[in-house]
Amino acid sequence: MSLAITPVIPAGSLSAAAQPSLPSADGELLLRPWAPGDETVLLAAYRDALIGRWHMRRVDSPEEARKWIATCGRQWREESGAQWAVTRASGGEILGRMALRWIDLAQGLAECGYWILPAARRQGVAHRALITLSGWALDEAGFHRLELAHSHLNEASCRVAVKAGFPLEGVRRSAHLHRDGWHDMHQHARIQGDA
């Protein structure tokens, strides 16, 4: 069956080129694709209590980390998602993760996700990296709408979303299963043309 609309982003537009690295406006951060050699960081991240609390996925072994990194590359080629390591531009230390967890090219829609490692928290890394990702996605890649959802109990993520220009749109009741049960989810979004 064919589409009755013209896709917002034509298929093949993203995968026609290598996944880009994205510098933050202040030059302090660089979002770059995950690469072989990042396994140790992924293992440490998913052992962190806060990352474990808010994310349903786990990485328990170097082999799982290698598969996760390989999946990131496949997602880009298939245009189904995109993952970046958030690093310091100087020195390359990995600070966290930014992602377009899923992508709908026809609608020009994607969902953002992120986590920040403990040593980099409370330094403005998350919101600056999210601004960087959303700027690229909306202004360069051509997405129309970026969504972001987090547990209503995750106040830090709510602050990051709002500070990065994703206003709260509402609450999706009992929408996401976490390790401790069902959580209501705050729904945020940013669209082309938002300040």
C-alpha atoms as a PDB file:
ATOM      1  CA  MET A   1       0.000   0.000   0.000  1.00  0.00           C
ATOM      2  CA  SER A   2       1.343   3.435  -0.875  1.00  0.00           C
ATOM      3  CA  LEU A   3       1.244   6.582   1.225  1.00  0.00           C
ATOM      4  CA  ALA A   4      -1.433   9.227   0.673  1.00  0.00           C
ATOM      5  CA  ILE A   5       1.042  11.885   1.829  1.00  0.00           C
ATOM      6  CA  THR A   6       4.456  12.950   0.688  1.00  0.00           C
ATOM      7  CA  PRO A   7       6.920  11.751   3.354  1.00  0.00           C
ATOM      8  CA  VAL A   8       8.311  14.582   5.434  1.00  0.00           C
ATOM      9  CA  ILE A   9      11.762  12.990   5.094  1.00  0.00           C
ATOM     10  CA  PRO A  10      12.246  10.804   2.016  1.00  0.00           C
ATOM     11  CA  ALA A  11      13.503   7.285   2.730  1.00  0.00           C
ATOM     12  CA  GLY A  12      17.250   7.095   2.266  1.00  0.00           C
ATOM     13  CA  SER A  13      17.840  10.733   3.246  1.00  0.00           C
ATOM     14  CA  LEU A  14      19.586   9.852   6.513  1.00  0.00           C
ATOM     15  CA  SER A  15      21.359   6.659   5.532  1.00  0.00           C
ATOM     16  CA  ALA A  16      22.754   8.159   2.322  1.00  0.00           C
ATOM     17  CA  ALA A  17      25.584   9.578   4.447  1.00  0.00           C
ATOM     18  CA  ALA A  18      27.493   8.447   7.516  1.00  0.00           C
ATOM     19  CA  GLN A  19      25.886   9.314  10.841  1.00  0.00           C
ATOM     20  CA  PRO A  20      27.179  12.814  11.666  1.00  0.00           C
ATOM     21  CA  SER A  21      29.042  13.967  14.745  1.00  0.00           C
ATOM     22  CA  LEU A  22      27.310  16.987  16.268  1.00  0.00           C
ATOM     23  CA  PRO A  23      29.207  19.758  18.121  1.00  0.00           C
ATOM     24  CA  SER A  24      27.361  21.766  20.756  1.00  0.00           C
ATOM     25  CA  ALA A  25      26.998  25.516  20.177  1.00  0.00           C
ATOM     26  CA  ASP A  26      29.462  26.288  22.979  1.00  0.00           C
ATOM     27  CA  GLY A  27      32.041  23.899  21.507  1.00  0.00           C
ATOM     28  CA  GLU A  28      32.388  21.970  24.771  1.00  0.00           C
ATOM     29  CA  LEU A  29      30.445  18.841  23.792  1.00  0.00           C
ATOM     30  CA  LEU A  30      30.505  16.524  20.817  1.00  0.00           C
ATOM     31  CA  LEU A  31      27.821  13.971  20.043  1.00  0.00           C
ATOM     32  CA  ARG A  32      29.454  11.177  18.040  1.00  0.00           C
ATOM     33  CA  PRO A  33      28.286   7.746  16.930  1.00  0.00           C
ATOM     34  CA  TRP A  34      28.984   4.883  19.344  1.00  0.00           C
ATOM     35  CA  ALA A  35      32.029   2.878  18.274  1.00  0.00           C
ATOM     36  CA  PRO A  36      33.899  -0.318  19.093  1.00  0.00           C
ATOM     37  CA  GLY A  37      35.914   0.381  22.235  1.00  0.00           C
ATOM     38  CA  ASP A  38      32.988   2.052  24.027  1.00  0.00           C
ATOM     39  CA  GLU A  39      31.882  -1.219  25.656  1.00  0.00           C
ATOM     40  CA  THR A  40      33.374  -0.456  29.078  1.00  0.00           C
ATOM     41  CA  VAL A  41      31.476   2.822  29.315  1.00  0.00           C
ATOM     42  CA  LEU A  42      28.190   1.144  28.361  1.00  0.00           C
ATOM     43  CA  LEU A  43      28.676  -1.558  30.993  1.00  0.00           C
ATOM     44  CA  ALA A  44      29.377   1.055  33.675  1.00  0.00           C
ATOM     45  CA  ALA A  45      26.411   3.185  32.582  1.00  0.00           C
ATOM     46  CA  TYR A  46      23.860   0.421  32.815  1.00  0.00           C
ATOM     47  CA  ARG A  47      25.164  -0.571  36.247  1.00  0.00           C
ATOM     48  CA  ASP A  48      24.409   2.939  37.551  1.00  0.00           C
ATOM     49  CA  ALA A  49      21.374   2.932  39.860  1.00  0.00           C
ATOM     50  CA  LEU A  50      19.653   5.976  38.288  1.00  0.00           C
ATOM     51  CA  ILE A  51      20.148   4.828  34.714  1.00  0.00           C
ATOM     52  CA  GLY A  52      18.880   1.409  35.753  1.00  0.00           C
ATOM     53  CA  ARG A  53      15.851   2.935  37.463  1.00  0.00           C
ATOM     54  CA  TRP A  54      14.631   4.938  34.482  1.00  0.00           C
ATOM     55  CA  HIS A  55      15.560   2.643  31.581  1.00  0.00           C
ATOM     56  CA  MET A  56      14.097  -0.749  30.816  1.00  0.00           C
ATOM     57  CA  ARG A  57      17.120  -2.080  28.944  1.00  0.00           C
ATOM     58  CA  ARG A  58      20.244  -3.592  30.492  1.00  0.00           C
ATOM     59  CA  VAL A  59      23.757  -4.260  29.248  1.00  0.00           C
ATOM     60  CA  ASP A  60      25.257  -7.032  31.375  1.00  0.00           C
ATOM     61  CA  SER A  61      28.357  -8.191  29.488  1.00  0.00           C
ATOM     62  CA  PRO A  62      30.997  -6.976  27.027  1.00  0.00           C
ATOM     63  CA  GLU A  63      29.312  -9.132  24.377  1.00  0.00           C
ATOM     64  CA  GLU A  64      25.949  -7.401  24.986  1.00  0.00           C
ATOM     65  CA  ALA A  65      27.717  -4.022  24.777  1.00  0.00           C
ATOM     66  CA  ARG A  66      29.286  -4.992  21.429  1.00  0.00           C
ATOM     67  CA  LYS A  67      25.869  -6.078  20.133  1.00  0.00           C
ATOM     68  CA  TRP A  68      24.338  -2.794  21.373  1.00  0.00           C
ATOM     69  CA  ILE A  69      26.984  -0.803  19.469  1.00  0.00           C
ATOM     70  CA  ALA A  70      26.423  -2.903  16.335  1.00  0.00           C
ATOM     71  CA  THR A  71      22.667  -2.323  16.653  1.00  0.00           C
ATOM     72  CA  CYS A  72      23.290   1.440  16.764  1.00  0.00           C
ATOM     73  CA  GLY A  73      25.025   1.268  13.392  1.00  0.00           C
ATOM     74  CA  ARG A  74      22.254  -0.895  11.942  1.00  0.00           C
ATOM     75  CA  GLN A  75      19.563   1.504  13.217  1.00  0.00           C
ATOM     76  CA  TRP A  76      21.207   4.373  11.314  1.00  0.00           C
ATOM     77  CA  ARG A  77      21.486   2.338   8.107  1.00  0.00           C
ATOM     78  CA  GLU A  78      17.840   1.217   8.437  1.00  0.00           C
ATOM     79  CA  GLU A  79      16.716   4.736   9.438  1.00  0.00           C
ATOM     80  CA  SER A  80      14.877   3.294  12.435  1.00  0.00           C
ATOM     81  CA  GLY A  81      16.827   5.140  15.154  1.00  0.00           C
ATOM     82  CA  ALA A  82      20.060   6.959  15.899  1.00  0.00           C
ATOM     83  CA  GLN A  83      22.337   6.855  18.947  1.00  0.00           C
ATOM     84  CA  TRP A  84      25.164   9.175  19.936  1.00  0.00           C
ATOM     85  CA  ALA A  85      27.766   9.119  22.677  1.00  0.00           C
ATOM     86  CA  VAL A  86      27.907  12.526  24.365  1.00  0.00           C
ATOM     87  CA  THR A  87      31.575  13.397  24.822  1.00  0.00           C
ATOM     88  CA  ARG A  88      33.762  16.272  25.878  1.00  0.00           C
ATOM     89  CA  ALA A  89      34.949  17.897  22.659  1.00  0.00           C
ATOM     90  CA  SER A  90      38.390  18.202  24.200  1.00  0.00           C
ATOM     91  CA  GLY A  91      39.721  14.799  25.168  1.00  0.00           C
ATOM     92  CA  GLY A  92      36.747  12.711  24.079  1.00  0.00           C
ATOM     93  CA  GLU A  93      35.603  11.535  27.542  1.00  0.00           C
ATOM     94  CA  ILE A  94      32.156   9.938  27.250  1.00  0.00           C
ATOM     95  CA  LEU A  95      29.613  11.737  29.431  1.00  0.00           C
ATOM     96  CA  GLY A  96      26.341  10.165  28.342  1.00  0.00           C
ATOM     97  CA  ARG A  97      24.011   9.131  25.558  1.00  0.00           C
ATOM     98  CA  MET A  98      21.562  10.977  23.300  1.00  0.00           C
ATOM     99  CA  ALA A  99      19.249   9.138  20.957  1.00  0.00           C
ATOM    100  CA  LEU A 100      16.438   9.248  18.521  1.00  0.00           C
ATOM    101  CA  ARG A 101      15.005   6.050  19.998  1.00  0.00           C
ATOM    102  CA  TRP A 102      12.660   5.523  17.055  1.00  0.00           C
ATOM    103  CA  ILE A 103      12.085   7.360  13.810  1.00  0.00           C
ATOM    104  CA  ASP A 104       9.053   7.756  11.547  1.00  0.00           C
ATOM    105  CA  LEU A 105      10.323   9.389   8.337  1.00  0.00           C
ATOM    106  CA  ALA A 106       6.903   9.668   6.696  1.00  0.00           C
ATOM    107  CA  GLN A 107       5.570  11.769   9.575  1.00  0.00           C
ATOM    108  CA  GLY A 108       8.906  13.475  10.313  1.00  0.00           C
ATOM    109  CA  LEU A 109       8.609  12.244  13.887  1.00  0.00           C
ATOM    110  CA  ALA A 110      11.141  10.809  16.359  1.00  0.00           C
ATOM    111  CA  GLU A 111      11.404  10.197  20.099  1.00  0.00           C
ATOM    112  CA  CYS A 112      14.413  11.458  22.032  1.00  0.00           C
ATOM    113  CA  GLY A 113      16.044   9.537  24.857  1.00  0.00           C
ATOM    114  CA  TYR A 114      19.124  10.159  26.971  1.00  0.00           C
ATOM    115  CA  TRP A 115      21.155   9.388  30.047  1.00  0.00           C
ATOM    116  CA  ILE A 116      24.155  11.050  31.644  1.00  0.00           C
ATOM    117  CA  LEU A 117      26.901   9.309  33.600  1.00  0.00           C
ATOM    118  CA  PRO A 118      27.163  10.169  37.324  1.00  0.00           C
ATOM    119  CA  ALA A 119      30.395  12.192  37.060  1.00  0.00           C
ATOM    120  CA  ALA A 120      28.853  14.494  34.424  1.00  0.00           C
ATOM    121  CA  ARG A 121      25.507  15.175  36.111  1.00  0.00           C
ATOM    122  CA  ARG A 122      24.509  18.661  37.314  1.00  0.00           C
ATOM    123  CA  GLN A 123      26.836  20.322  34.797  1.00  0.00           C
ATOM    124  CA  GLY A 124      24.268  21.183  32.139  1.00  0.00           C
ATOM    125  CA  VAL A 125      25.443  18.355  29.889  1.00  0.00           C
ATOM    126  CA  ALA A 126      22.025  16.793  29.310  1.00  0.00           C
ATOM    127  CA  HIS A 127      20.128  19.887  28.220  1.00  0.00           C
ATOM    128  CA  ARG A 128      23.015  21.182  26.053  1.00  0.00           C
ATOM    129  CA  ALA A 129      23.329  17.804  24.343  1.00  0.00           C
ATOM    130  CA  LEU A 130      19.556  17.636  23.832  1.00  0.00           C
ATOM    131  CA  ILE A 131      19.568  21.125  22.298  1.00  0.00           C
ATOM    132  CA  THR A 132      22.383  19.985  19.989  1.00  0.00           C
ATOM    133  CA  LEU A 133      20.528  16.845  18.922  1.00  0.00           C
ATOM    134  CA  SER A 134      17.184  18.585  18.440  1.00  0.00           C
ATOM    135  CA  GLY A 135      18.794  21.430  16.495  1.00  0.00           C
ATOM    136  CA  TRP A 136      20.297  18.958  14.045  1.00  0.00           C
ATOM    137  CA  ALA A 137      17.133  16.851  13.826  1.00  0.00           C
ATOM    138  CA  LEU A 138      14.755  19.762  13.227  1.00  0.00           C
ATOM    139  CA  ASP A 139      16.937  22.182  11.277  1.00  0.00           C
ATOM    140  CA  GLU A 140      19.203  19.892   9.244  1.00  0.00           C
ATOM    141  CA  ALA A 141      17.649  16.431   9.038  1.00  0.00           C
ATOM    142  CA  GLY A 142      14.165  17.872   8.502  1.00  0.00           C
ATOM    143  CA  PHE A 143      12.125  16.288  11.277  1.00  0.00           C
ATOM    144  CA  HIS A 144       8.879  18.097  12.044  1.00  0.00           C
ATOM    145  CA  ARG A 145       8.315  16.906  15.630  1.00  0.00           C
ATOM    146  CA  LEU A 146      10.506  15.426  18.357  1.00  0.00           C
ATOM    147  CA  GLU A 147       8.841  13.764  21.322  1.00  0.00           C
ATOM    148  CA  LEU A 148      10.300  12.968  24.716  1.00  0.00           C
ATOM    149  CA  ALA A 149       8.672  10.879  27.447  1.00  0.00           C
ATOM    150  CA  HIS A 150       9.832  10.208  31.003  1.00  0.00           C
ATOM    151  CA  SER A 151       8.373   8.879  34.224  1.00  0.00           C
ATOM    152  CA  HIS A 152       6.395  11.495  36.132  1.00  0.00           C
ATOM    153  CA  LEU A 153       8.692  10.661  39.064  1.00  0.00           C
ATOM    154  CA  ASN A 154      11.843  11.603  37.135  1.00  0.00           C
ATOM    155  CA  GLU A 155      12.017  15.297  38.036  1.00  0.00           C
ATOM    156  CA  ALA A 156      15.569  15.728  36.698  1.00  0.00           C
ATOM    157  CA  SER A 157      14.538  14.549  33.245  1.00  0.00           C
ATOM    158  CA  CYS A 158      11.563  16.916  33.316  1.00  0.00           C
ATOM    159  CA  ARG A 159      13.882  19.860  34.056  1.00  0.00           C
ATOM    160  CA  VAL A 160      16.218  18.840  31.219  1.00  0.00           C
ATOM    161  CA  ALA A 161      13.340  18.590  28.737  1.00  0.00           C
ATOM    162  CA  VAL A 162      11.878  21.985  29.588  1.00  0.00           C
ATOM    163  CA  LYS A 163      15.284  23.691  29.642  1.00  0.00           C
ATOM    164  CA  ALA A 164      16.030  22.248  26.184  1.00  0.00           C
ATOM    165  CA  GLY A 165      12.811  23.682  24.729  1.00  0.00           C
ATOM    166  CA  PHE A 166      10.501  20.663  25.074  1.00  0.00           C
ATOM    167  CA  PRO A 167       7.396  21.950  26.892  1.00  0.00           C
ATOM    168  CA  LEU A 168       5.240  19.519  28.820  1.00  0.00           C
ATOM    169  CA  GLU A 169       2.193  18.542  26.745  1.00  0.00           C
ATOM    170  CA  GLY A 170       0.480  16.201  29.159  1.00  0.00           C
ATOM    171  CA  VAL A 171       0.536  12.932  31.063  1.00  0.00           C
ATOM    172  CA  ARG A 172       0.071   9.471  29.582  1.00  0.00           C
ATOM    173  CA  ARG A 173      -1.433   7.420  32.401  1.00  0.00           C
ATOM    174  CA  SER A 174       0.141   4.080  33.313  1.00  0.00           C
ATOM    175  CA  ALA A 175       2.005   4.131  29.999  1.00  0.00           C
ATOM    176  CA  HIS A 176       5.402   2.581  30.700  1.00  0.00           C
ATOM    177  CA  LEU A 177       6.468  -0.457  32.664  1.00  0.00           C
ATOM    178  CA  HIS A 178       9.493   0.116  34.881  1.00  0.00           C
ATOM    179  CA  ARG A 179      11.165  -2.366  37.219  1.00  0.00           C
ATOM    180  CA  ASP A 180       8.941  -1.190  40.078  1.00  0.00           C
ATOM    181  CA  GLY A 181       5.684  -1.250  38.102  1.00  0.00           C
ATOM    182  CA  TRP A 182       3.661   0.963  35.790  1.00  0.00           C
ATOM    183  CA  HIS A 183       4.485   4.681  35.653  1.00  0.00           C
ATOM    184  CA  ASP A 184       2.552   7.634  34.338  1.00  0.00           C
ATOM    185  CA  MET A 185       4.671   9.334  31.687  1.00  0.00           C
ATOM    186  CA  HIS A 186       5.158  13.033  31.096  1.00  0.00           C
ATOM    187  CA  GLN A 187       4.942  13.795  27.380  1.00  0.00           C
ATOM    188  CA  HIS A 188       7.110  16.643  26.051  1.00  0.00           C
ATOM    189  CA  ALA A 189       7.633  17.734  22.448  1.00  0.00           C
ATOM    190  CA  ARG A 190       9.473  20.236  20.303  1.00  0.00           C
ATOM    191  CA  ILE A 191       8.439  21.047  16.743  1.00  0.00           C
ATOM    192  CA  GLN A 192      10.006  22.934  13.868  1.00  0.00           C
ATOM    193  CA  GLY A 193       9.716  26.632  14.532  1.00  0.00           C
ATOM    194  CA  ASP A 194       9.783  26.385  18.342  1.00  0.00           C
ATOM    195  CA  ALA A 195      12.215  28.817  19.922  1.00  0.00           C
END
